[in-house]
């Protein structure tokens, strides 16, 4: 390898082409709780948590009602939104559940706990929080071992009993 990326490098935001700005805004703002930071006419909106310029940008520049790529083609599998702790992940899970929004899956990956949804355009959205690094499972050689098993949802929601 000629170049190794700096360990502090991170992914800053995602920009999605959507078919209906209002539907997508309802998902990202009203369901997931992001705040609008900027609008560009009727065709684009930028959203963030906190005071960052934007974590998610949505646009209809390809036209209202643009179609997603057909199944079996390359493209976005999912993107992930990292929550700072289990309590915050439990809060968003409860909120989504109470709104009867479809949850596609809930997994324990050993290093993290995740909830999976689809946005109005079918994009995969993972909501997750990491476990402390010292709890990450490793094999006898010290290599990270990622797993996929069912998330213990009652245990996650027990975080809310501590509030």
N, C-alpha and C. Protein backbone atom coordinates (compact mmCIF):
# COMPACT_ATOMS: atom_id res chain seq x y z
N UNK A 1 0.86 -1.17 0.00
CA UNK A 1 0.00 0.00 0.00
C UNK A 1 0.91 1.23 0.00
N UNK A 2 0.65 2.15 -0.94
CA UNK A 2 1.46 3.35 -1.05
C UNK A 2 1.03 4.44 -0.09
N UNK A 3 -0.21 4.44 0.29
CA UNK A 3 -0.74 5.50 1.13
C UNK A 3 -1.66 4.90 2.16
N UNK A 4 -1.55 5.36 3.39
CA UNK A 4 -2.47 4.94 4.45
C UNK A 4 -3.17 6.17 4.98
N UNK A 5 -4.49 6.11 5.00
CA UNK A 5 -5.29 7.24 5.45
C UNK A 5 -5.02 7.53 6.92
N UNK A 6 -5.06 8.79 7.29
CA UNK A 6 -4.83 9.20 8.68
C UNK A 6 -5.92 8.63 9.57
N UNK A 7 -5.57 8.17 10.75
CA UNK A 7 -6.51 7.50 11.65
C UNK A 7 -7.62 8.42 12.17
N UNK A 8 -7.44 9.72 12.09
CA UNK A 8 -8.48 10.66 12.56
C UNK A 8 -9.41 11.10 11.43
N UNK A 9 -9.21 10.60 10.22
CA UNK A 9 -10.09 10.92 9.10
C UNK A 9 -11.46 10.30 9.35
N UNK A 10 -12.53 11.02 8.99
CA UNK A 10 -13.88 10.50 9.18
C UNK A 10 -14.76 10.92 8.01
N UNK A 11 -15.90 10.30 7.90
CA UNK A 11 -16.87 10.68 6.88
C UNK A 11 -17.73 11.79 7.45
N UNK A 12 -17.86 12.88 6.74
CA UNK A 12 -18.52 14.07 7.28
C UNK A 12 -20.00 14.18 7.00
N UNK A 13 -20.46 13.86 5.80
CA UNK A 13 -21.88 13.99 5.49
C UNK A 13 -22.24 13.11 4.30
N UNK A 14 -23.52 12.99 4.09
CA UNK A 14 -24.03 12.23 2.96
C UNK A 14 -25.00 13.14 2.20
N UNK A 15 -24.97 13.04 0.89
CA UNK A 15 -25.86 13.84 0.04
C UNK A 15 -26.67 12.86 -0.80
N UNK A 16 -27.99 12.89 -0.63
CA UNK A 16 -28.86 11.92 -1.28
C UNK A 16 -29.77 12.58 -2.31
N UNK A 17 -29.89 11.95 -3.46
CA UNK A 17 -30.91 12.32 -4.43
C UNK A 17 -32.19 11.63 -3.99
N UNK A 18 -33.25 12.39 -3.89
CA UNK A 18 -34.53 11.85 -3.41
C UNK A 18 -35.62 12.13 -4.44
N UNK A 19 -36.73 11.40 -4.31
CA UNK A 19 -37.81 11.59 -5.27
C UNK A 19 -38.83 12.62 -4.81
N UNK A 20 -38.91 12.85 -3.51
CA UNK A 20 -39.87 13.81 -2.97
C UNK A 20 -39.26 14.45 -1.73
N UNK A 21 -38.95 15.73 -1.83
CA UNK A 21 -38.25 16.43 -0.75
C UNK A 21 -39.07 16.44 0.54
N UNK A 22 -40.37 16.66 0.45
CA UNK A 22 -41.21 16.70 1.65
C UNK A 22 -41.24 15.36 2.37
N UNK A 23 -41.36 14.26 1.63
CA UNK A 23 -41.36 12.93 2.25
C UNK A 23 -40.02 12.65 2.93
N UNK A 24 -38.94 12.98 2.27
CA UNK A 24 -37.62 12.74 2.86
C UNK A 24 -37.38 13.65 4.05
N UNK A 25 -37.83 14.88 3.96
CA UNK A 25 -37.69 15.81 5.08
C UNK A 25 -38.48 15.29 6.28
N UNK A 26 -39.64 14.75 6.04
CA UNK A 26 -40.43 14.19 7.12
C UNK A 26 -39.68 13.04 7.81
N UNK A 27 -39.01 12.20 7.05
CA UNK A 27 -38.25 11.08 7.61
C UNK A 27 -37.06 11.59 8.42
N UNK A 28 -36.20 12.40 7.81
CA UNK A 28 -34.96 12.81 8.47
C UNK A 28 -35.17 13.86 9.56
N UNK A 29 -36.10 14.76 9.38
CA UNK A 29 -36.37 15.79 10.40
C UNK A 29 -37.36 15.30 11.44
N UNK A 30 -38.53 14.86 10.99
CA UNK A 30 -39.61 14.55 11.93
C UNK A 30 -39.45 13.21 12.63
N UNK A 31 -38.94 12.20 11.92
CA UNK A 31 -38.77 10.88 12.54
C UNK A 31 -37.42 10.78 13.26
N UNK A 32 -36.32 11.14 12.57
CA UNK A 32 -35.00 10.97 13.16
C UNK A 32 -34.52 12.17 13.96
N UNK A 33 -35.16 13.33 13.81
CA UNK A 33 -34.86 14.46 14.67
C UNK A 33 -33.77 15.42 14.21
N UNK A 34 -33.29 15.31 12.97
CA UNK A 34 -32.30 16.26 12.49
C UNK A 34 -32.95 17.63 12.29
N UNK A 35 -32.15 18.70 12.40
CA UNK A 35 -32.65 20.05 12.21
C UNK A 35 -32.22 20.59 10.84
N UNK A 36 -33.11 21.35 10.22
CA UNK A 36 -32.79 22.00 8.95
C UNK A 36 -31.81 23.13 9.20
N UNK A 37 -30.70 23.13 8.46
CA UNK A 37 -29.71 24.21 8.58
C UNK A 37 -29.72 25.14 7.39
N UNK A 38 -30.17 24.64 6.23
CA UNK A 38 -30.21 25.49 5.03
C UNK A 38 -31.16 24.87 4.01
N UNK A 39 -31.72 25.74 3.17
CA UNK A 39 -32.55 25.32 2.05
C UNK A 39 -32.03 26.02 0.80
N UNK A 40 -32.12 25.33 -0.32
CA UNK A 40 -31.80 25.92 -1.60
C UNK A 40 -33.03 25.80 -2.48
N UNK A 41 -33.85 26.85 -2.41
CA UNK A 41 -35.10 26.85 -3.17
C UNK A 41 -35.99 25.70 -2.76
N UNK A 42 -36.68 25.15 -3.74
CA UNK A 42 -37.60 24.04 -3.49
C UNK A 42 -36.96 22.69 -3.77
N UNK A 43 -35.65 22.68 -4.11
CA UNK A 43 -35.03 21.45 -4.57
C UNK A 43 -33.98 20.84 -3.67
N UNK A 44 -33.61 21.51 -2.58
CA UNK A 44 -32.57 20.93 -1.71
C UNK A 44 -32.72 21.45 -0.29
N UNK A 45 -32.38 20.58 0.65
CA UNK A 45 -32.40 20.94 2.06
C UNK A 45 -31.23 20.25 2.74
N UNK A 46 -30.63 20.94 3.70
CA UNK A 46 -29.49 20.42 4.44
C UNK A 46 -29.90 20.30 5.91
N UNK A 47 -29.52 19.17 6.52
CA UNK A 47 -29.92 18.90 7.91
C UNK A 47 -28.71 18.51 8.74
N UNK A 48 -28.83 18.76 10.05
CA UNK A 48 -27.72 18.49 10.95
C UNK A 48 -28.22 18.15 12.34
N UNK A 49 -27.32 17.57 13.12
CA UNK A 49 -27.52 17.50 14.57
C UNK A 49 -26.52 18.47 15.16
N UNK A 50 -26.93 19.21 16.17
CA UNK A 50 -26.02 20.19 16.75
C UNK A 50 -25.77 21.35 15.81
N UNK A 51 -24.55 21.89 15.88
CA UNK A 51 -24.25 23.10 15.11
C UNK A 51 -23.37 22.84 13.89
N UNK A 52 -23.28 21.59 13.44
CA UNK A 52 -22.52 21.27 12.24
C UNK A 52 -23.28 21.78 11.02
N UNK A 53 -22.57 22.17 9.95
CA UNK A 53 -23.24 22.74 8.77
C UNK A 53 -24.25 21.78 8.15
N UNK A 54 -23.90 20.51 7.98
CA UNK A 54 -24.88 19.51 7.58
C UNK A 54 -24.29 18.11 7.66
N UNK A 55 -25.11 17.20 8.11
CA UNK A 55 -24.76 15.79 8.10
C UNK A 55 -25.45 15.10 6.93
N UNK A 56 -26.64 15.60 6.58
CA UNK A 56 -27.43 15.00 5.51
C UNK A 56 -27.92 16.11 4.59
N UNK A 57 -27.71 15.91 3.30
CA UNK A 57 -28.27 16.82 2.30
C UNK A 57 -29.22 16.01 1.42
N UNK A 58 -30.34 16.62 1.08
CA UNK A 58 -31.35 15.97 0.25
C UNK A 58 -31.62 16.86 -0.96
N UNK A 59 -31.73 16.28 -2.15
CA UNK A 59 -32.04 17.09 -3.31
C UNK A 59 -32.92 16.34 -4.29
N UNK A 60 -33.65 17.11 -5.08
CA UNK A 60 -34.46 16.56 -6.18
C UNK A 60 -33.94 17.10 -7.51
N UNK A 61 -32.64 17.29 -7.61
CA UNK A 61 -32.05 17.86 -8.83
C UNK A 61 -32.25 16.97 -10.04
N UNK A 62 -32.48 15.67 -9.84
CA UNK A 62 -32.77 14.78 -10.97
C UNK A 62 -34.25 14.80 -11.32
N UNK A 63 -35.00 15.63 -10.62
CA UNK A 63 -36.42 15.76 -10.91
C UNK A 63 -37.27 15.10 -9.84
N UNK A 64 -38.39 15.74 -9.56
CA UNK A 64 -39.38 15.18 -8.63
C UNK A 64 -39.81 13.81 -9.14
N UNK A 65 -39.95 12.86 -8.25
CA UNK A 65 -40.34 11.49 -8.56
C UNK A 65 -39.31 10.71 -9.36
N UNK A 66 -38.03 11.10 -9.25
CA UNK A 66 -36.96 10.31 -9.88
C UNK A 66 -37.01 8.90 -9.32
N UNK A 67 -36.67 7.93 -10.13
CA UNK A 67 -36.76 6.53 -9.70
C UNK A 67 -35.43 6.04 -9.13
N UNK A 68 -35.50 5.16 -8.14
CA UNK A 68 -34.26 4.59 -7.60
C UNK A 68 -33.68 3.57 -8.56
N UNK A 69 -32.39 3.23 -8.39
CA UNK A 69 -31.82 2.19 -9.25
C UNK A 69 -32.52 0.86 -8.97
N UNK A 70 -32.67 0.04 -10.01
CA UNK A 70 -33.34 -1.25 -9.79
C UNK A 70 -32.50 -2.18 -8.93
N UNK A 71 -33.16 -3.14 -8.29
CA UNK A 71 -32.45 -4.14 -7.48
C UNK A 71 -31.45 -4.88 -8.37
N UNK A 72 -30.36 -5.29 -7.78
CA UNK A 72 -29.35 -6.01 -8.54
C UNK A 72 -28.31 -5.11 -9.18
N UNK A 73 -28.39 -3.79 -8.90
CA UNK A 73 -27.42 -2.84 -9.42
C UNK A 73 -26.57 -2.30 -8.28
N UNK A 74 -25.45 -1.75 -8.61
CA UNK A 74 -24.59 -1.17 -7.59
C UNK A 74 -25.19 0.14 -7.09
N UNK A 75 -24.74 0.55 -5.94
CA UNK A 75 -25.21 1.78 -5.34
C UNK A 75 -25.10 1.70 -3.83
N UNK A 76 -25.73 2.61 -3.17
CA UNK A 76 -25.68 2.68 -1.71
C UNK A 76 -26.38 1.48 -1.09
N UNK A 77 -25.70 0.75 -0.22
CA UNK A 77 -26.32 -0.33 0.53
C UNK A 77 -27.01 0.27 1.75
N UNK A 78 -26.23 0.97 2.56
CA UNK A 78 -26.79 1.76 3.65
C UNK A 78 -25.74 2.75 4.13
N UNK A 79 -26.18 3.73 4.87
CA UNK A 79 -25.25 4.59 5.58
C UNK A 79 -25.64 4.54 7.03
N UNK A 80 -24.73 4.94 7.91
CA UNK A 80 -24.95 4.78 9.34
C UNK A 80 -24.92 6.12 10.05
N UNK A 81 -25.79 6.24 11.03
CA UNK A 81 -25.82 7.40 11.93
C UNK A 81 -25.39 6.89 13.29
N UNK A 82 -24.31 7.45 13.83
CA UNK A 82 -23.74 6.99 15.09
C UNK A 82 -24.32 7.80 16.24
N UNK A 83 -24.90 7.11 17.20
CA UNK A 83 -25.41 7.76 18.41
C UNK A 83 -24.33 7.70 19.49
N UNK A 84 -24.29 8.69 20.38
CA UNK A 84 -23.18 8.77 21.33
C UNK A 84 -23.19 7.69 22.41
N UNK A 85 -24.35 7.06 22.65
CA UNK A 85 -24.42 6.05 23.70
C UNK A 85 -25.70 5.24 23.55
N UNK A 86 -25.81 4.19 24.35
CA UNK A 86 -26.97 3.28 24.30
C UNK A 86 -28.26 4.00 24.67
N UNK A 87 -28.19 4.93 25.59
CA UNK A 87 -29.39 5.66 26.00
C UNK A 87 -30.01 6.40 24.82
N UNK A 88 -29.19 7.08 24.03
CA UNK A 88 -29.70 7.80 22.87
C UNK A 88 -30.21 6.84 21.80
N UNK A 89 -29.55 5.70 21.63
CA UNK A 89 -30.05 4.70 20.68
C UNK A 89 -31.39 4.16 21.16
N UNK A 90 -31.53 3.93 22.45
CA UNK A 90 -32.80 3.46 23.01
C UNK A 90 -33.90 4.50 22.80
N UNK A 91 -33.58 5.77 22.97
CA UNK A 91 -34.57 6.83 22.77
C UNK A 91 -35.10 6.85 21.34
N UNK A 92 -34.19 6.77 20.35
CA UNK A 92 -34.65 6.82 18.96
C UNK A 92 -35.41 5.54 18.62
N UNK A 93 -34.97 4.39 19.15
CA UNK A 93 -35.70 3.16 18.90
C UNK A 93 -37.13 3.28 19.42
N UNK A 94 -37.29 3.75 20.65
CA UNK A 94 -38.62 3.89 21.23
C UNK A 94 -39.48 4.86 20.42
N UNK A 95 -38.89 5.96 20.00
CA UNK A 95 -39.63 6.95 19.22
C UNK A 95 -40.11 6.36 17.89
N UNK A 96 -39.24 5.66 17.21
CA UNK A 96 -39.61 5.03 15.93
C UNK A 96 -40.69 3.98 16.15
N UNK A 97 -40.52 3.17 17.18
CA UNK A 97 -41.49 2.11 17.50
C UNK A 97 -42.87 2.71 17.80
N UNK A 98 -42.88 3.78 18.61
CA UNK A 98 -44.15 4.41 18.98
C UNK A 98 -44.85 5.05 17.79
N UNK A 99 -44.09 5.43 16.76
CA UNK A 99 -44.68 6.01 15.56
C UNK A 99 -45.05 4.94 14.53
N UNK A 100 -44.86 3.67 14.92
CA UNK A 100 -45.17 2.53 14.05
C UNK A 100 -44.43 2.57 12.72
N UNK A 101 -43.22 3.13 12.73
CA UNK A 101 -42.43 3.16 11.50
C UNK A 101 -41.77 1.78 11.34
N UNK A 102 -41.77 1.24 10.13
CA UNK A 102 -41.20 -0.10 9.92
C UNK A 102 -39.71 -0.17 10.25
N UNK A 103 -39.36 -1.14 11.05
CA UNK A 103 -37.96 -1.42 11.40
C UNK A 103 -37.59 -2.69 10.66
N UNK A 104 -36.53 -2.62 9.85
CA UNK A 104 -36.12 -3.77 9.04
C UNK A 104 -35.31 -4.78 9.82
N UNK A 105 -34.61 -4.33 10.84
CA UNK A 105 -33.77 -5.24 11.60
C UNK A 105 -33.17 -4.55 12.81
N UNK A 106 -32.69 -5.37 13.73
CA UNK A 106 -32.01 -4.88 14.92
C UNK A 106 -30.94 -5.91 15.27
N UNK A 107 -29.67 -5.51 15.22
CA UNK A 107 -28.57 -6.46 15.34
C UNK A 107 -27.55 -6.04 16.37
N UNK A 108 -26.93 -7.05 16.94
CA UNK A 108 -25.77 -6.89 17.81
C UNK A 108 -24.58 -7.37 16.99
N UNK A 109 -23.63 -6.47 16.74
CA UNK A 109 -22.45 -6.82 15.94
C UNK A 109 -21.21 -7.03 16.79
N UNK A 110 -21.39 -7.12 18.10
CA UNK A 110 -20.25 -7.29 18.99
C UNK A 110 -19.57 -5.97 19.28
N UNK A 111 -19.22 -5.24 18.24
CA UNK A 111 -18.59 -3.92 18.41
C UNK A 111 -19.63 -2.81 18.56
N UNK A 112 -20.85 -3.11 18.14
CA UNK A 112 -21.90 -2.10 18.14
C UNK A 112 -23.27 -2.76 18.19
N UNK A 113 -24.28 -1.92 18.45
CA UNK A 113 -25.67 -2.35 18.40
C UNK A 113 -26.38 -1.47 17.37
N UNK A 114 -27.20 -2.09 16.52
CA UNK A 114 -27.74 -1.38 15.36
C UNK A 114 -29.22 -1.62 15.14
N UNK A 115 -29.86 -0.60 14.60
CA UNK A 115 -31.25 -0.66 14.17
C UNK A 115 -31.25 -0.26 12.69
N UNK A 116 -32.00 -0.99 11.88
CA UNK A 116 -32.01 -0.76 10.43
C UNK A 116 -33.39 -0.33 9.95
N UNK A 117 -33.40 0.72 9.12
CA UNK A 117 -34.62 1.28 8.53
C UNK A 117 -34.39 1.52 7.04
N UNK A 118 -35.44 1.89 6.35
CA UNK A 118 -35.35 2.38 4.96
C UNK A 118 -35.99 3.75 4.92
N UNK A 119 -35.34 4.69 4.24
CA UNK A 119 -35.94 6.01 4.09
C UNK A 119 -36.99 5.94 2.97
N UNK A 120 -37.71 7.03 2.71
CA UNK A 120 -38.79 6.98 1.70
C UNK A 120 -38.33 6.57 0.31
N UNK A 121 -37.04 6.71 0.00
CA UNK A 121 -36.52 6.33 -1.32
C UNK A 121 -35.88 4.95 -1.30
N UNK A 122 -36.00 4.25 -0.18
CA UNK A 122 -35.46 2.89 -0.10
C UNK A 122 -34.01 2.81 0.32
N UNK A 123 -33.39 3.95 0.65
CA UNK A 123 -32.00 3.92 1.11
C UNK A 123 -31.95 3.27 2.49
N UNK A 124 -30.98 2.39 2.68
CA UNK A 124 -30.78 1.77 3.97
C UNK A 124 -30.17 2.77 4.95
N UNK A 125 -30.73 2.81 6.16
CA UNK A 125 -30.24 3.70 7.21
C UNK A 125 -30.00 2.85 8.45
N UNK A 126 -28.77 2.85 8.92
CA UNK A 126 -28.41 2.15 10.15
C UNK A 126 -28.27 3.17 11.26
N UNK A 127 -28.95 2.94 12.36
CA UNK A 127 -28.81 3.77 13.56
C UNK A 127 -28.05 2.91 14.56
N UNK A 128 -26.91 3.39 15.06
CA UNK A 128 -26.14 2.52 15.94
C UNK A 128 -25.34 3.30 16.96
N UNK A 129 -24.89 2.55 17.96
CA UNK A 129 -23.91 3.08 18.90
C UNK A 129 -22.83 2.01 19.09
N UNK A 130 -21.61 2.48 19.24
CA UNK A 130 -20.48 1.58 19.47
C UNK A 130 -20.42 1.17 20.93
N UNK A 131 -19.93 -0.02 21.15
CA UNK A 131 -19.55 -0.44 22.50
C UNK A 131 -18.18 0.18 22.78
N UNK A 132 -17.80 0.27 24.05
CA UNK A 132 -16.44 0.73 24.35
C UNK A 132 -15.41 -0.18 23.66
N UNK A 133 -14.36 0.39 23.12
CA UNK A 133 -13.35 -0.34 22.35
C UNK A 133 -12.82 -1.54 23.14
N UNK A 134 -12.65 -1.38 24.42
CA UNK A 134 -12.10 -2.48 25.22
C UNK A 134 -13.05 -3.68 25.31
N UNK A 135 -14.31 -3.52 24.92
CA UNK A 135 -15.27 -4.63 24.92
C UNK A 135 -15.40 -5.29 23.54
N UNK A 136 -14.73 -4.77 22.52
CA UNK A 136 -14.86 -5.34 21.19
C UNK A 136 -14.29 -6.76 21.17
N UNK A 137 -15.03 -7.71 20.60
CA UNK A 137 -14.55 -9.10 20.57
C UNK A 137 -13.36 -9.27 19.62
N UNK A 138 -12.40 -10.06 20.09
CA UNK A 138 -11.21 -10.34 19.28
C UNK A 138 -10.90 -11.82 19.34
N UNK A 139 -10.25 -12.30 18.29
CA UNK A 139 -9.84 -13.70 18.27
C UNK A 139 -8.52 -13.86 19.00
N UNK A 140 -7.99 -15.08 19.01
CA UNK A 140 -6.76 -15.38 19.74
C UNK A 140 -5.54 -14.62 19.21
N UNK A 141 -5.62 -14.14 17.96
CA UNK A 141 -4.53 -13.36 17.38
C UNK A 141 -4.71 -11.86 17.58
N UNK A 142 -5.79 -11.47 18.25
CA UNK A 142 -6.05 -10.06 18.49
C UNK A 142 -6.79 -9.35 17.38
N UNK A 143 -7.27 -10.11 16.38
CA UNK A 143 -8.03 -9.53 15.27
C UNK A 143 -9.48 -9.32 15.69
N UNK A 144 -10.05 -8.24 15.24
CA UNK A 144 -11.44 -7.92 15.52
C UNK A 144 -12.35 -8.99 14.95
N UNK A 145 -13.35 -9.40 15.72
CA UNK A 145 -14.33 -10.39 15.28
C UNK A 145 -15.70 -9.72 15.31
N UNK A 146 -16.22 -9.44 14.12
CA UNK A 146 -17.56 -8.86 14.02
C UNK A 146 -18.56 -10.00 13.89
N UNK A 147 -19.69 -9.83 14.54
CA UNK A 147 -20.74 -10.84 14.53
C UNK A 147 -22.04 -10.18 14.11
N UNK A 148 -23.03 -10.98 13.82
CA UNK A 148 -24.38 -10.47 13.62
C UNK A 148 -25.33 -11.42 14.33
N UNK A 149 -25.90 -10.94 15.41
CA UNK A 149 -26.92 -11.70 16.12
C UNK A 149 -28.04 -10.72 16.46
N UNK A 150 -29.16 -11.25 16.88
CA UNK A 150 -30.31 -10.40 17.20
C UNK A 150 -29.98 -9.47 18.35
N UNK A 151 -30.42 -8.23 18.20
CA UNK A 151 -30.26 -7.24 19.27
C UNK A 151 -31.22 -7.57 20.41
N UNK A 152 -30.72 -7.50 21.61
CA UNK A 152 -31.55 -7.69 22.80
C UNK A 152 -32.27 -6.36 23.05
N UNK A 153 -33.42 -6.19 22.39
CA UNK A 153 -34.16 -4.93 22.46
C UNK A 153 -34.62 -4.59 23.88
N UNK A 154 -35.17 -5.55 24.65
CA UNK A 154 -35.55 -5.21 26.03
C UNK A 154 -34.36 -4.68 26.85
N UNK A 155 -33.18 -5.28 26.64
CA UNK A 155 -32.00 -4.81 27.35
C UNK A 155 -31.63 -3.40 26.91
N UNK A 156 -31.72 -3.11 25.60
CA UNK A 156 -31.45 -1.76 25.12
C UNK A 156 -32.43 -0.78 25.74
N UNK A 157 -33.71 -1.11 25.73
CA UNK A 157 -34.72 -0.21 26.27
C UNK A 157 -34.61 -0.02 27.78
N UNK A 158 -33.94 -0.95 28.47
CA UNK A 158 -33.74 -0.80 29.91
C UNK A 158 -32.88 0.43 30.23
N UNK A 159 -32.15 0.91 29.23
CA UNK A 159 -31.36 2.14 29.39
C UNK A 159 -32.28 3.31 29.76
N UNK A 160 -33.51 3.27 29.29
CA UNK A 160 -34.45 4.36 29.54
C UNK A 160 -34.97 4.35 30.97
N UNK A 161 -34.86 3.22 31.66
CA UNK A 161 -35.26 3.13 33.06
C UNK A 161 -34.33 3.91 33.97
N UNK A 162 -33.14 4.22 33.47
CA UNK A 162 -32.13 4.91 34.27
C UNK A 162 -32.26 6.43 34.19
N UNK A 163 -33.16 6.89 33.33
CA UNK A 163 -33.31 8.34 33.12
C UNK A 163 -34.08 8.95 34.27
